[in-house]
Amino acid sequence: MEEAKALPVKKIGNATFIYKHTIATRIVHGLHIISMIMLILTGFYIYAPATFRIFPNMDIARYLHFIFMYLIGWTMIYKTYYLIVTGEIKELVFRWRDLLEFPSLIKHYTYDIFVGIPEKNTGVYHKYNCGQRLVYSMWPILLLIQGITGIAMYFTTRWAAFSNLFGGIQNLKFIHFIICWLFLVTVVAHAYLGSTGPKVLDFYKSVITGWEKYVAKKH
């Protein structure tokens, strides 16, 4: 696969900023955040309404669940189209050789950021690290499985044959529930890691402005 090109760079005083997120990417990202949060909250209510009393009733929870299911589905389709057309998919797709970068990535997030060591400078400003590529490549697959299992659980009679392939509706519920937790864990991790830049709000600002402050390790 062709190596990704360097991102646009600008200087403001002594600070270096890289342009990581286009306006389309930022809008879709915002819709994904809202949709993911609402799907998780409504999903927990649907799964255990007596425990997660966060919606007035089941009808409203299911209605909202379907709205945000369609929203996140369509934005995912658009995002995939956008990535292919712009060629940005070369930056996003996980590659097996990315596994070689994981030791240094883990060291960075478990040690370096706590002692003030910036991320290693590779000489080129790339958009995603290996961890981000793994999660972003995994999410569309999980969303597809989540959507199919969700529809099968809602239309139990029409999708009975499909459910039986997996040993019944209870097994589909288990798969759906586990994927929900995978999304919850990765969303929380994503939000936390976004606070580990040069300053707590730097990465969050980049999601709004598109420009992210870059600090490279000095050699």
N, C-alpha and C. Protein backbone atom coordinates (compact mmCIF):
# COMPACT_ATOMS: atom_id res chain seq x y z
N MET A 1 0.85 -1.19 0.00
CA MET A 1 0.00 0.00 0.00
C MET A 1 0.89 1.25 0.00
N GLU A 2 0.51 2.24 -0.78
CA GLU A 2 1.29 3.47 -0.89
C GLU A 2 1.34 4.20 0.43
N GLU A 3 2.51 4.75 0.78
CA GLU A 3 2.64 5.49 2.02
C GLU A 3 1.84 6.78 1.95
N ALA A 4 1.32 7.19 3.09
CA ALA A 4 0.52 8.41 3.15
C ALA A 4 1.40 9.64 2.98
N LYS A 5 0.82 10.67 2.38
CA LYS A 5 1.54 11.93 2.19
C LYS A 5 1.52 12.73 3.47
N ALA A 6 2.51 13.62 3.58
CA ALA A 6 2.56 14.48 4.75
C ALA A 6 1.36 15.43 4.75
N LEU A 7 0.91 15.78 5.94
CA LEU A 7 -0.23 16.68 6.06
C LEU A 7 0.22 18.14 5.95
N PRO A 8 -0.69 19.05 5.57
CA PRO A 8 -0.37 20.47 5.52
C PRO A 8 0.06 20.97 6.90
N VAL A 9 1.04 21.86 6.90
CA VAL A 9 1.62 22.37 8.16
C VAL A 9 1.62 23.89 8.13
N LYS A 10 1.38 24.50 9.30
CA LYS A 10 1.52 25.95 9.41
C LYS A 10 2.18 26.28 10.74
N LYS A 11 2.84 27.44 10.78
CA LYS A 11 3.53 27.89 11.98
C LYS A 11 2.82 29.12 12.54
N ILE A 12 2.61 29.10 13.85
CA ILE A 12 2.10 30.28 14.56
C ILE A 12 3.05 30.52 15.73
N GLY A 13 3.90 31.50 15.56
CA GLY A 13 4.95 31.73 16.56
C GLY A 13 5.92 30.56 16.55
N ASN A 14 6.15 29.99 17.71
CA ASN A 14 7.04 28.83 17.81
C ASN A 14 6.28 27.51 17.70
N ALA A 15 4.96 27.58 17.56
CA ALA A 15 4.14 26.37 17.53
C ALA A 15 3.92 25.89 16.10
N THR A 16 3.88 24.58 15.94
CA THR A 16 3.60 23.95 14.65
C THR A 16 2.22 23.31 14.69
N PHE A 17 1.41 23.56 13.68
CA PHE A 17 0.08 23.00 13.59
C PHE A 17 -0.05 22.19 12.30
N ILE A 18 -0.70 21.04 12.40
CA ILE A 18 -0.94 20.21 11.22
C ILE A 18 -2.43 20.15 10.96
N TYR A 19 -2.80 20.22 9.67
CA TYR A 19 -4.22 20.20 9.30
C TYR A 19 -4.67 18.75 9.17
N LYS A 20 -5.36 18.25 10.18
CA LYS A 20 -5.71 16.84 10.24
C LYS A 20 -7.16 16.54 9.85
N HIS A 21 -8.06 17.50 10.02
CA HIS A 21 -9.48 17.18 9.86
C HIS A 21 -10.17 18.21 8.96
N THR A 22 -10.69 17.75 7.81
CA THR A 22 -11.45 18.63 6.93
C THR A 22 -12.82 18.91 7.55
N ILE A 23 -13.54 19.87 6.97
CA ILE A 23 -14.85 20.23 7.50
C ILE A 23 -15.82 19.06 7.43
N ALA A 24 -15.75 18.29 6.34
CA ALA A 24 -16.64 17.12 6.20
C ALA A 24 -16.33 16.09 7.28
N THR A 25 -15.04 15.87 7.52
CA THR A 25 -14.64 14.91 8.54
C THR A 25 -15.12 15.35 9.91
N ARG A 26 -15.04 16.65 10.20
CA ARG A 26 -15.44 17.16 11.51
C ARG A 26 -16.95 17.05 11.72
N ILE A 27 -17.73 17.31 10.68
CA ILE A 27 -19.18 17.19 10.79
C ILE A 27 -19.58 15.74 11.03
N VAL A 28 -19.01 14.84 10.24
CA VAL A 28 -19.32 13.42 10.39
C VAL A 28 -18.88 12.91 11.75
N HIS A 29 -17.73 13.39 12.22
CA HIS A 29 -17.23 12.98 13.53
C HIS A 29 -18.21 13.40 14.63
N GLY A 30 -18.73 14.62 14.51
CA GLY A 30 -19.69 15.11 15.49
C GLY A 30 -20.97 14.28 15.49
N LEU A 31 -21.46 13.95 14.30
CA LEU A 31 -22.65 13.12 14.20
C LEU A 31 -22.42 11.73 14.78
N HIS A 32 -21.21 11.21 14.56
CA HIS A 32 -20.86 9.90 15.10
C HIS A 32 -20.84 9.91 16.62
N ILE A 33 -20.28 10.98 17.19
CA ILE A 33 -20.22 11.08 18.65
C ILE A 33 -21.63 11.08 19.25
N ILE A 34 -22.50 11.95 18.70
CA ILE A 34 -23.87 12.04 19.20
C ILE A 34 -24.59 10.71 19.02
N SER A 35 -24.46 10.11 17.84
CA SER A 35 -25.14 8.85 17.55
C SER A 35 -24.65 7.73 18.46
N MET A 36 -23.32 7.65 18.65
CA MET A 36 -22.76 6.57 19.46
C MET A 36 -23.24 6.68 20.91
N ILE A 37 -23.24 7.90 21.44
CA ILE A 37 -23.70 8.10 22.82
C ILE A 37 -25.17 7.73 22.98
N MET A 38 -25.99 8.18 22.02
CA MET A 38 -27.42 7.91 22.10
C MET A 38 -27.72 6.42 21.91
N LEU A 39 -26.99 5.76 21.04
CA LEU A 39 -27.20 4.32 20.83
C LEU A 39 -26.82 3.53 22.07
N ILE A 40 -25.75 3.94 22.73
CA ILE A 40 -25.33 3.25 23.96
C ILE A 40 -26.36 3.46 25.07
N LEU A 41 -26.81 4.70 25.25
CA LEU A 41 -27.76 5.00 26.32
C LEU A 41 -29.11 4.32 26.08
N THR A 42 -29.63 4.45 24.85
CA THR A 42 -30.92 3.81 24.56
C THR A 42 -30.79 2.29 24.60
N GLY A 43 -29.63 1.79 24.18
CA GLY A 43 -29.41 0.34 24.20
C GLY A 43 -29.43 -0.22 25.61
N PHE A 44 -28.80 0.49 26.54
CA PHE A 44 -28.81 0.05 27.93
C PHE A 44 -30.23 0.06 28.50
N TYR A 45 -31.00 1.08 28.12
CA TYR A 45 -32.38 1.15 28.61
C TYR A 45 -33.21 0.00 28.05
N ILE A 46 -33.06 -0.25 26.76
CA ILE A 46 -33.82 -1.34 26.13
C ILE A 46 -33.44 -2.68 26.75
N TYR A 47 -32.15 -2.84 27.07
CA TYR A 47 -31.68 -4.10 27.65
C TYR A 47 -32.17 -4.30 29.08
N ALA A 48 -32.15 -3.20 29.86
CA ALA A 48 -32.55 -3.31 31.27
C ALA A 48 -33.25 -2.02 31.72
N PRO A 49 -34.51 -1.84 31.32
CA PRO A 49 -35.22 -0.58 31.62
C PRO A 49 -35.40 -0.31 33.11
N ALA A 50 -35.47 -1.35 33.92
CA ALA A 50 -35.66 -1.15 35.36
C ALA A 50 -34.39 -0.64 36.03
N THR A 51 -33.24 -0.93 35.41
CA THR A 51 -31.95 -0.50 35.97
C THR A 51 -31.51 0.84 35.42
N PHE A 52 -31.62 1.03 34.11
CA PHE A 52 -31.20 2.27 33.46
C PHE A 52 -32.43 3.13 33.16
N ARG A 53 -32.92 3.80 34.16
CA ARG A 53 -34.14 4.61 34.02
C ARG A 53 -33.81 6.00 33.49
N ILE A 54 -33.42 6.05 32.22
CA ILE A 54 -32.98 7.32 31.64
C ILE A 54 -33.90 7.81 30.53
N PHE A 55 -34.96 7.05 30.21
CA PHE A 55 -35.94 7.46 29.21
C PHE A 55 -37.35 7.24 29.77
N PRO A 56 -38.33 8.01 29.32
CA PRO A 56 -39.70 7.90 29.87
C PRO A 56 -40.32 6.53 29.70
N ASN A 57 -40.10 5.93 28.53
CA ASN A 57 -40.69 4.61 28.28
C ASN A 57 -39.94 3.89 27.17
N MET A 58 -40.31 2.63 26.94
CA MET A 58 -39.61 1.80 25.96
C MET A 58 -39.84 2.29 24.54
N ASP A 59 -41.04 2.78 24.24
CA ASP A 59 -41.33 3.24 22.88
C ASP A 59 -40.40 4.38 22.46
N ILE A 60 -40.20 5.34 23.37
CA ILE A 60 -39.32 6.47 23.06
C ILE A 60 -37.88 5.99 22.90
N ALA A 61 -37.45 5.10 23.77
CA ALA A 61 -36.08 4.58 23.70
C ALA A 61 -35.83 3.86 22.38
N ARG A 62 -36.78 3.03 21.97
CA ARG A 62 -36.63 2.30 20.71
C ARG A 62 -36.68 3.24 19.51
N TYR A 63 -37.56 4.23 19.58
CA TYR A 63 -37.68 5.20 18.49
C TYR A 63 -36.35 5.94 18.30
N LEU A 64 -35.79 6.43 19.40
CA LEU A 64 -34.50 7.12 19.33
C LEU A 64 -33.39 6.18 18.88
N HIS A 65 -33.45 4.93 19.33
CA HIS A 65 -32.43 3.95 18.97
C HIS A 65 -32.40 3.75 17.45
N PHE A 66 -33.58 3.67 16.85
CA PHE A 66 -33.64 3.47 15.40
C PHE A 66 -33.19 4.73 14.65
N ILE A 67 -33.57 5.90 15.15
CA ILE A 67 -33.15 7.15 14.50
C ILE A 67 -31.63 7.24 14.42
N PHE A 68 -30.98 7.01 15.54
CA PHE A 68 -29.52 7.15 15.56
C PHE A 68 -28.82 5.95 14.92
N MET A 69 -29.50 4.82 14.83
CA MET A 69 -28.95 3.70 14.08
C MET A 69 -28.86 4.06 12.60
N TYR A 70 -29.95 4.64 12.07
CA TYR A 70 -29.93 5.05 10.66
C TYR A 70 -28.93 6.18 10.43
N LEU A 71 -28.87 7.13 11.37
CA LEU A 71 -27.96 8.25 11.22
C LEU A 71 -26.51 7.79 11.17
N ILE A 72 -26.12 6.94 12.11
CA ILE A 72 -24.73 6.49 12.13
C ILE A 72 -24.43 5.58 10.93
N GLY A 73 -25.46 4.86 10.46
CA GLY A 73 -25.28 4.02 9.28
C GLY A 73 -25.01 4.84 8.03
N TRP A 74 -25.81 5.89 7.81
CA TRP A 74 -25.63 6.73 6.64
C TRP A 74 -24.34 7.54 6.70
N THR A 75 -23.99 8.02 7.88
CA THR A 75 -22.72 8.76 7.98
C THR A 75 -21.53 7.84 7.76
N MET A 76 -21.66 6.57 8.16
CA MET A 76 -20.59 5.61 7.92
C MET A 76 -20.44 5.34 6.42
N ILE A 77 -21.57 5.22 5.72
CA ILE A 77 -21.52 5.02 4.27
C ILE A 77 -20.87 6.22 3.60
N TYR A 78 -21.28 7.44 4.02
CA TYR A 78 -20.69 8.64 3.44
C TYR A 78 -19.19 8.73 3.74
N LYS A 79 -18.82 8.41 4.99
CA LYS A 79 -17.42 8.48 5.38
C LYS A 79 -16.58 7.51 4.56
N THR A 80 -17.09 6.31 4.33
CA THR A 80 -16.36 5.33 3.52
C THR A 80 -16.18 5.84 2.10
N TYR A 81 -17.26 6.40 1.53
CA TYR A 81 -17.18 6.97 0.19
C TYR A 81 -16.16 8.10 0.14
N TYR A 82 -16.22 8.97 1.14
CA TYR A 82 -15.31 10.12 1.21
C TYR A 82 -13.85 9.66 1.28
N LEU A 83 -13.59 8.66 2.11
CA LEU A 83 -12.22 8.16 2.28
C LEU A 83 -11.68 7.57 0.99
N ILE A 84 -12.54 6.85 0.27
CA ILE A 84 -12.10 6.23 -0.98
C ILE A 84 -11.84 7.29 -2.05
N VAL A 85 -12.77 8.24 -2.20
CA VAL A 85 -12.66 9.27 -3.24
C VAL A 85 -11.45 10.17 -3.00
N THR A 86 -11.21 10.56 -1.76
CA THR A 86 -10.10 11.46 -1.44
C THR A 86 -8.76 10.74 -1.30
N GLY A 87 -8.80 9.41 -1.20
CA GLY A 87 -7.57 8.65 -1.02
C GLY A 87 -7.11 8.59 0.41
N GLU A 88 -7.90 9.19 1.31
CA GLU A 88 -7.53 9.22 2.72
C GLU A 88 -7.58 7.84 3.36
N ILE A 89 -8.22 6.90 2.67
CA ILE A 89 -8.33 5.55 3.20
C ILE A 89 -6.96 4.91 3.38
N LYS A 90 -5.96 5.40 2.63
CA LYS A 90 -4.60 4.88 2.78
C LYS A 90 -4.05 5.19 4.18
N GLU A 91 -4.52 6.29 4.75
CA GLU A 91 -4.09 6.67 6.09
C GLU A 91 -4.82 5.88 7.17
N LEU A 92 -6.07 5.48 6.86
CA LEU A 92 -6.96 4.98 7.89
C LEU A 92 -6.95 3.47 8.06
N VAL A 93 -6.78 2.74 6.96
CA VAL A 93 -6.88 1.28 7.01
C VAL A 93 -5.72 0.68 7.79
N PHE A 94 -6.05 -0.24 8.70
CA PHE A 94 -5.04 -0.92 9.51
C PHE A 94 -4.24 -1.88 8.65
N ARG A 95 -2.91 -1.86 8.84
CA ARG A 95 -2.02 -2.75 8.11
C ARG A 95 -1.30 -3.63 9.12
N TRP A 96 -1.01 -4.85 8.73
CA TRP A 96 -0.39 -5.78 9.68
C TRP A 96 0.94 -5.27 10.18
N ARG A 97 1.66 -4.51 9.35
CA ARG A 97 2.94 -3.98 9.80
C ARG A 97 2.78 -2.93 10.89
N ASP A 98 1.53 -2.44 11.06
CA ASP A 98 1.26 -1.50 12.15
C ASP A 98 1.48 -2.14 13.51
N LEU A 99 1.39 -3.46 13.57
CA LEU A 99 1.61 -4.16 14.84
C LEU A 99 2.99 -3.87 15.40
N LEU A 100 3.96 -3.61 14.52
CA LEU A 100 5.32 -3.33 14.96
C LEU A 100 5.41 -2.02 15.74
N GLU A 101 4.44 -1.12 15.53
CA GLU A 101 4.46 0.18 16.19
C GLU A 101 3.80 0.14 17.56
N PHE A 102 3.08 -0.94 17.87
CA PHE A 102 2.31 -0.97 19.12
C PHE A 102 3.17 -0.87 20.38
N PRO A 103 4.33 -1.53 20.45
CA PRO A 103 5.15 -1.38 21.67
C PRO A 103 5.49 0.07 21.98
N SER A 104 5.89 0.83 20.97
CA SER A 104 6.23 2.23 21.22
C SER A 104 4.98 3.05 21.52
N LEU A 105 3.84 2.70 20.91
CA LEU A 105 2.59 3.41 21.19
C LEU A 105 2.15 3.17 22.63
N ILE A 106 2.22 1.93 23.07
CA ILE A 106 1.85 1.60 24.45
C ILE A 106 2.76 2.32 25.43
N LYS A 107 4.05 2.34 25.13
CA LYS A 107 5.02 3.04 25.99
C LYS A 107 4.69 4.52 26.06
N HIS A 108 4.29 5.08 24.91
CA HIS A 108 3.99 6.51 24.88
C HIS A 108 2.82 6.85 25.80
N TYR A 109 1.74 6.02 25.75
CA TYR A 109 0.54 6.33 26.52
C TYR A 109 0.57 5.83 27.96
N THR A 110 1.50 4.94 28.27
CA THR A 110 1.57 4.44 29.65
C THR A 110 2.74 5.05 30.43
N TYR A 111 3.68 5.68 29.71
CA TYR A 111 4.85 6.24 30.42
C TYR A 111 5.22 7.64 29.92
N ASP A 112 5.47 7.78 28.62
CA ASP A 112 6.01 9.03 28.09
C ASP A 112 5.16 10.25 28.43
N ILE A 113 3.82 10.12 28.26
CA ILE A 113 2.97 11.30 28.47
C ILE A 113 2.94 11.73 29.93
N PHE A 114 3.29 10.83 30.84
CA PHE A 114 3.26 11.17 32.26
C PHE A 114 4.57 11.80 32.74
N VAL A 115 5.61 11.69 31.93
CA VAL A 115 6.90 12.28 32.30
C VAL A 115 7.30 13.38 31.32
N GLY A 116 6.36 13.77 30.46
CA GLY A 116 6.61 14.91 29.58
C GLY A 116 7.38 14.62 28.32
N ILE A 117 7.43 13.35 27.88
CA ILE A 117 8.13 13.02 26.65
C ILE A 117 7.14 13.07 25.49
N PRO A 118 7.32 13.99 24.53
CA PRO A 118 6.38 14.10 23.41
C PRO A 118 6.46 12.87 22.51
N GLU A 119 5.49 12.75 21.63
CA GLU A 119 5.46 11.64 20.69
C GLU A 119 6.65 11.71 19.76
N LYS A 120 7.20 10.56 19.43
CA LYS A 120 8.41 10.49 18.61
C LYS A 120 8.16 11.09 17.23
N ASN A 121 9.11 11.88 16.77
CA ASN A 121 9.03 12.51 15.47
C ASN A 121 9.53 11.55 14.39
N THR A 122 8.64 11.18 13.48
CA THR A 122 9.03 10.27 12.41
C THR A 122 9.56 11.02 11.20
N GLY A 123 9.51 12.36 11.26
CA GLY A 123 9.98 13.14 10.13
C GLY A 123 8.86 13.54 9.18
N VAL A 124 7.70 12.91 9.32
CA VAL A 124 6.55 13.21 8.48
C VAL A 124 5.32 13.34 9.38
N TYR A 125 4.46 14.28 9.08
CA TYR A 125 3.26 14.46 9.88
C TYR A 125 2.15 13.56 9.35
N HIS A 126 1.93 12.45 9.98
CA HIS A 126 0.88 11.53 9.57
C HIS A 126 -0.37 11.78 10.38
N LYS A 127 -1.50 11.29 9.88
CA LYS A 127 -2.78 11.62 10.48
C LYS A 127 -3.17 10.70 11.63
N TYR A 128 -2.96 9.40 11.49
CA TYR A 128 -3.40 8.44 12.50
C TYR A 128 -2.24 7.56 12.94
N ASN A 129 -2.23 7.20 14.25
CA ASN A 129 -1.25 6.22 14.70
C ASN A 129 -1.83 4.83 14.54
N CYS A 130 -1.03 3.81 14.87
CA CYS A 130 -1.45 2.43 14.63
C CYS A 130 -2.68 2.05 15.45
N GLY A 131 -2.80 2.57 16.66
CA GLY A 131 -3.96 2.27 17.49
C GLY A 131 -5.23 2.85 16.91
N GLN A 132 -5.16 4.08 16.42
CA GLN A 132 -6.32 4.70 15.81
C GLN A 132 -6.73 3.96 14.55
N ARG A 133 -5.75 3.53 13.74
CA ARG A 133 -6.08 2.79 12.52
C ARG A 133 -6.77 1.46 12.84
N LEU A 134 -6.33 0.81 13.92
CA LEU A 134 -6.95 -0.46 14.31
C LEU A 134 -8.41 -0.25 14.72
N VAL A 135 -8.64 0.75 15.57
CA VAL A 135 -10.01 1.02 16.06
C VAL A 135 -10.91 1.49 14.92
N TYR A 136 -10.42 2.43 14.10
CA TYR A 136 -11.24 2.98 13.02
C TYR A 136 -11.52 1.95 11.93
N SER A 137 -10.63 0.99 11.76
CA SER A 137 -10.87 -0.08 10.78
C SER A 137 -11.85 -1.11 11.34
N MET A 138 -11.85 -1.25 12.66
CA MET A 138 -12.71 -2.24 13.32
C MET A 138 -14.14 -1.74 13.48
N TRP A 139 -14.32 -0.44 13.70
CA TRP A 139 -15.64 0.11 13.97
C TRP A 139 -16.68 -0.16 12.87
N PRO A 140 -16.37 0.03 11.58
CA PRO A 140 -17.40 -0.24 10.55
C PRO A 140 -17.86 -1.69 10.56
N ILE A 141 -16.95 -2.62 10.80
CA ILE A 141 -17.32 -4.04 10.85
C ILE A 141 -18.24 -4.30 12.04
N LEU A 142 -17.88 -3.75 13.19
CA LEU A 142 -18.70 -3.92 14.39
C LEU A 142 -20.07 -3.27 14.22
N LEU A 143 -20.10 -2.09 13.58
CA LEU A 143 -21.37 -1.41 13.35
C LEU A 143 -22.29 -2.24 12.46
N LEU A 144 -21.71 -2.86 11.44
CA LEU A 144 -22.50 -3.69 10.54
C LEU A 144 -23.10 -4.88 11.30
N ILE A 145 -22.27 -5.55 12.10
CA ILE A 145 -22.75 -6.68 12.90
C ILE A 145 -23.81 -6.22 13.89
N GLN A 146 -23.57 -5.06 14.50
CA GLN A 146 -24.51 -4.52 15.48
C GLN A 146 -25.86 -4.20 14.84
N GLY A 147 -25.80 -3.64 13.63
CA GLY A 147 -27.04 -3.32 12.93
C GLY A 147 -27.84 -4.56 12.56
N ILE A 148 -27.14 -5.57 12.05
CA ILE A 148 -27.82 -6.80 11.63
C ILE A 148 -28.43 -7.53 12.83
N THR A 149 -27.66 -7.65 13.90
CA THR A 149 -28.19 -8.34 15.08
C THR A 149 -29.33 -7.55 15.71
N GLY A 150 -29.24 -6.22 15.66
CA GLY A 150 -30.31 -5.39 16.21
C GLY A 150 -31.62 -5.56 15.44
N ILE A 151 -31.52 -5.59 14.10
CA ILE A 151 -32.71 -5.79 13.27
C ILE A 151 -33.31 -7.17 13.52
N ALA A 152 -32.43 -8.18 13.65
CA ALA A 152 -32.90 -9.55 13.89
C ALA A 152 -33.62 -9.66 15.24
N MET A 153 -33.15 -8.90 16.23
CA MET A 153 -33.80 -8.93 17.55
C MET A 153 -35.13 -8.19 17.54
N TYR A 154 -35.27 -7.20 16.67
CA TYR A 154 -36.52 -6.44 16.60
C TYR A 154 -37.57 -7.19 15.80
N PHE A 155 -37.17 -7.71 14.64
CA PHE A 155 -38.09 -8.48 13.80
C PHE A 155 -37.85 -9.97 14.05
N THR A 156 -38.23 -10.42 15.22
CA THR A 156 -37.91 -11.78 15.65
C THR A 156 -38.53 -12.85 14.75
N THR A 157 -39.75 -12.61 14.27
CA THR A 157 -40.42 -13.62 13.43
C THR A 157 -39.82 -13.68 12.04
N ARG A 158 -39.66 -12.50 11.42
CA ARG A 158 -39.12 -12.46 10.06
C ARG A 158 -37.68 -12.96 10.00
N TRP A 159 -36.93 -12.71 11.07
CA TRP A 159 -35.51 -13.07 11.08
C TRP A 159 -35.25 -14.32 11.92
N ALA A 160 -36.26 -15.11 12.13
CA ALA A 160 -36.10 -16.31 12.96
C ALA A 160 -35.07 -17.28 12.39
N ALA A 161 -35.10 -17.45 11.07
CA ALA A 161 -34.14 -18.37 10.43
C ALA A 161 -32.71 -17.88 10.63
N PHE A 162 -32.54 -16.57 10.53
CA PHE A 162 -31.20 -16.00 10.75
C PHE A 162 -30.76 -16.21 12.19
N SER A 163 -31.65 -15.94 13.13
CA SER A 163 -31.33 -16.12 14.55
C SER A 163 -30.95 -17.56 14.86
N ASN A 164 -31.65 -18.49 14.22
CA ASN A 164 -31.38 -19.90 14.47
C ASN A 164 -29.98 -20.32 14.01
N LEU A 165 -29.45 -19.60 13.03
CA LEU A 165 -28.09 -19.89 12.57
C LEU A 165 -27.07 -19.66 13.68
N PHE A 166 -27.41 -18.79 14.62
CA PHE A 166 -26.52 -18.45 15.73
C PHE A 166 -26.99 -19.06 17.05
N GLY A 167 -27.91 -20.01 16.96
CA GLY A 167 -28.35 -20.70 18.16
C GLY A 167 -29.51 -20.05 18.87
N GLY A 168 -30.17 -19.10 18.22
CA GLY A 168 -31.34 -18.47 18.82
C GLY A 168 -31.14 -17.01 19.16
N ILE A 169 -32.24 -16.36 19.52
CA ILE A 169 -32.25 -14.93 19.77
C ILE A 169 -31.37 -14.54 20.96
N GLN A 170 -31.25 -15.41 21.95
CA GLN A 170 -30.45 -15.09 23.13
C GLN A 170 -28.97 -14.93 22.78
N ASN A 171 -28.49 -15.75 21.86
CA ASN A 171 -27.10 -15.63 21.43
C ASN A 171 -26.87 -14.32 20.68
N LEU A 172 -27.86 -13.92 19.88
CA LEU A 172 -27.75 -12.63 19.18
C LEU A 172 -27.73 -11.48 20.18
N LYS A 173 -28.55 -11.58 21.23
CA LYS A 173 -28.55 -10.55 22.26
C LYS A 173 -27.19 -10.46 22.94
N PHE A 174 -26.58 -11.62 23.17
CA PHE A 174 -25.26 -11.64 23.80
C PHE A 174 -24.22 -10.96 22.90
N ILE A 175 -24.24 -11.29 21.60
CA ILE A 175 -23.30 -10.67 20.65
C ILE A 175 -23.52 -9.16 20.62
N HIS A 176 -24.78 -8.75 20.54
CA HIS A 176 -25.14 -7.33 20.50
C HIS A 176 -24.66 -6.61 21.76
N PHE A 177 -24.83 -7.25 22.90
CA PHE A 177 -24.44 -6.66 24.19
C PHE A 177 -22.93 -6.51 24.29
N ILE A 178 -22.18 -7.54 23.86
CA ILE A 178 -20.72 -7.49 23.93
C ILE A 178 -20.17 -6.38 23.02
N ILE A 179 -20.73 -6.26 21.82
CA ILE A 179 -20.27 -5.22 20.90
C ILE A 179 -20.58 -3.84 21.46
N CYS A 180 -21.72 -3.71 22.12
CA CYS A 180 -22.06 -2.45 22.77
C CYS A 180 -20.98 -2.04 23.76
N TRP A 181 -20.51 -3.00 24.56
CA TRP A 181 -19.46 -2.71 25.53
C TRP A 181 -18.13 -2.41 24.84
N LEU A 182 -17.86 -3.04 23.71
CA LEU A 182 -16.64 -2.73 22.95
C LEU A 182 -16.68 -1.28 22.48
N PHE A 183 -17.85 -0.85 22.02
CA PHE A 183 -18.00 0.54 21.60
C PHE A 183 -17.82 1.48 22.79
N LEU A 184 -18.44 1.12 23.92
CA LEU A 184 -18.34 1.97 25.10
C LEU A 184 -16.90 2.13 25.54
N VAL A 185 -16.16 1.03 25.60
CA VAL A 185 -14.76 1.06 26.04
C VAL A 185 -13.90 1.88 25.07
N THR A 186 -14.08 1.65 23.76
CA THR A 186 -13.26 2.37 22.78
C THR A 186 -13.62 3.85 22.72
N VAL A 187 -14.90 4.19 22.92
CA VAL A 187 -15.31 5.60 22.93
C VAL A 187 -14.71 6.32 24.13
N VAL A 188 -14.77 5.68 25.31
CA VAL A 188 -14.18 6.27 26.51
C VAL A 188 -12.67 6.42 26.35
N ALA A 189 -12.02 5.38 25.81
CA ALA A 189 -10.57 5.44 25.58
C ALA A 189 -10.23 6.54 24.58
N HIS A 190 -11.04 6.67 23.54
CA HIS A 190 -10.83 7.70 22.53
C HIS A 190 -10.94 9.09 23.15
N ALA A 191 -11.95 9.28 24.00
CA ALA A 191 -12.13 10.58 24.66
C ALA A 191 -10.97 10.88 25.60
N TYR A 192 -10.51 9.86 26.34
CA TYR A 192 -9.40 10.07 27.27
C TYR A 192 -8.10 10.38 26.53
N LEU A 193 -7.79 9.59 25.51
CA LEU A 193 -6.53 9.80 24.78
C LEU A 193 -6.51 11.14 24.06
N GLY A 194 -7.71 11.67 23.79
CA GLY A 194 -7.77 12.99 23.19
C GLY A 194 -7.31 14.09 24.13
N SER A 195 -7.20 13.79 25.41
CA SER A 195 -6.77 14.78 26.40
C SER A 195 -5.27 14.70 26.68
N THR A 196 -4.56 13.81 25.96
CA THR A 196 -3.15 13.58 26.28
C THR A 196 -2.19 14.33 25.36
N GLY A 197 -2.66 15.38 24.71
CA GLY A 197 -1.79 16.16 23.85
C GLY A 197 -0.93 17.12 24.64
N PRO A 198 -0.28 18.07 23.95
CA PRO A 198 0.53 19.07 24.65
C PRO A 198 -0.25 19.76 25.77
N LYS A 199 -1.51 20.05 25.52
CA LYS A 199 -2.42 20.57 26.54
C LYS A 199 -3.71 19.77 26.45
N VAL A 200 -4.47 19.76 27.55
CA VAL A 200 -5.66 18.90 27.63
C VAL A 200 -6.64 19.15 26.49
N LEU A 201 -6.83 20.40 26.10
CA LEU A 201 -7.86 20.72 25.12
C LEU A 201 -7.36 20.77 23.68
N ASP A 202 -6.05 20.58 23.45
CA ASP A 202 -5.49 20.74 22.10
C ASP A 202 -6.15 19.82 21.07
N PHE A 203 -6.26 18.54 21.38
CA PHE A 203 -6.83 17.61 20.42
C PHE A 203 -8.33 17.86 20.23
N TYR A 204 -9.01 18.26 21.32
CA TYR A 204 -10.44 18.55 21.20
C TYR A 204 -10.67 19.77 20.32
N LYS A 205 -9.79 20.76 20.43
CA LYS A 205 -9.89 21.95 19.59
C LYS A 205 -9.70 21.59 18.12
N SER A 206 -8.82 20.62 17.86
CA SER A 206 -8.54 20.24 16.48
C SER A 206 -9.76 19.63 15.80
N VAL A 207 -10.64 19.01 16.58
CA VAL A 207 -11.86 18.43 16.03
C VAL A 207 -12.80 19.53 15.56
N ILE A 208 -12.65 20.72 16.13
CA ILE A 208 -13.50 21.86 15.76
C ILE A 208 -12.83 22.68 14.66
N THR A 209 -11.54 22.97 14.81
CA THR A 209 -10.85 23.84 13.86
C THR A 209 -10.20 23.09 12.70
N GLY A 210 -9.88 21.82 12.92
CA GLY A 210 -9.18 21.04 11.90
C GLY A 210 -7.67 21.03 12.09
N TRP A 211 -7.15 22.03 12.82
CA TRP A 211 -5.70 22.16 13.02
C TRP A 211 -5.30 21.64 14.40
N GLU A 212 -4.30 20.78 14.42
CA GLU A 212 -3.85 20.18 15.67
C GLU A 212 -2.40 20.60 15.97
N LYS A 213 -2.16 21.00 17.21
CA LYS A 213 -0.81 21.39 17.62
C LYS A 213 0.08 20.17 17.67
N TYR A 214 1.27 20.31 17.13
CA TYR A 214 2.21 19.17 17.05
C TYR A 214 3.47 19.49 17.82
N VAL A 215 3.85 18.54 18.68
CA VAL A 215 5.09 18.66 19.43
C VAL A 215 5.89 17.39 19.18
N ALA A 216 7.06 17.54 18.59
CA ALA A 216 7.87 16.37 18.26
C ALA A 216 8.96 16.17 19.27
N LYS A 217 9.37 14.93 19.45
CA LYS A 217 10.46 14.60 20.35
C LYS A 217 11.78 15.10 19.78
N LYS A 218 12.55 15.75 20.60
CA LYS A 218 13.85 16.27 20.16
C LYS A 218 14.89 15.16 20.24
N HIS A 219 15.75 15.07 19.24
CA HIS A 219 16.80 14.06 19.21
C HIS A 219 18.17 14.73 19.36
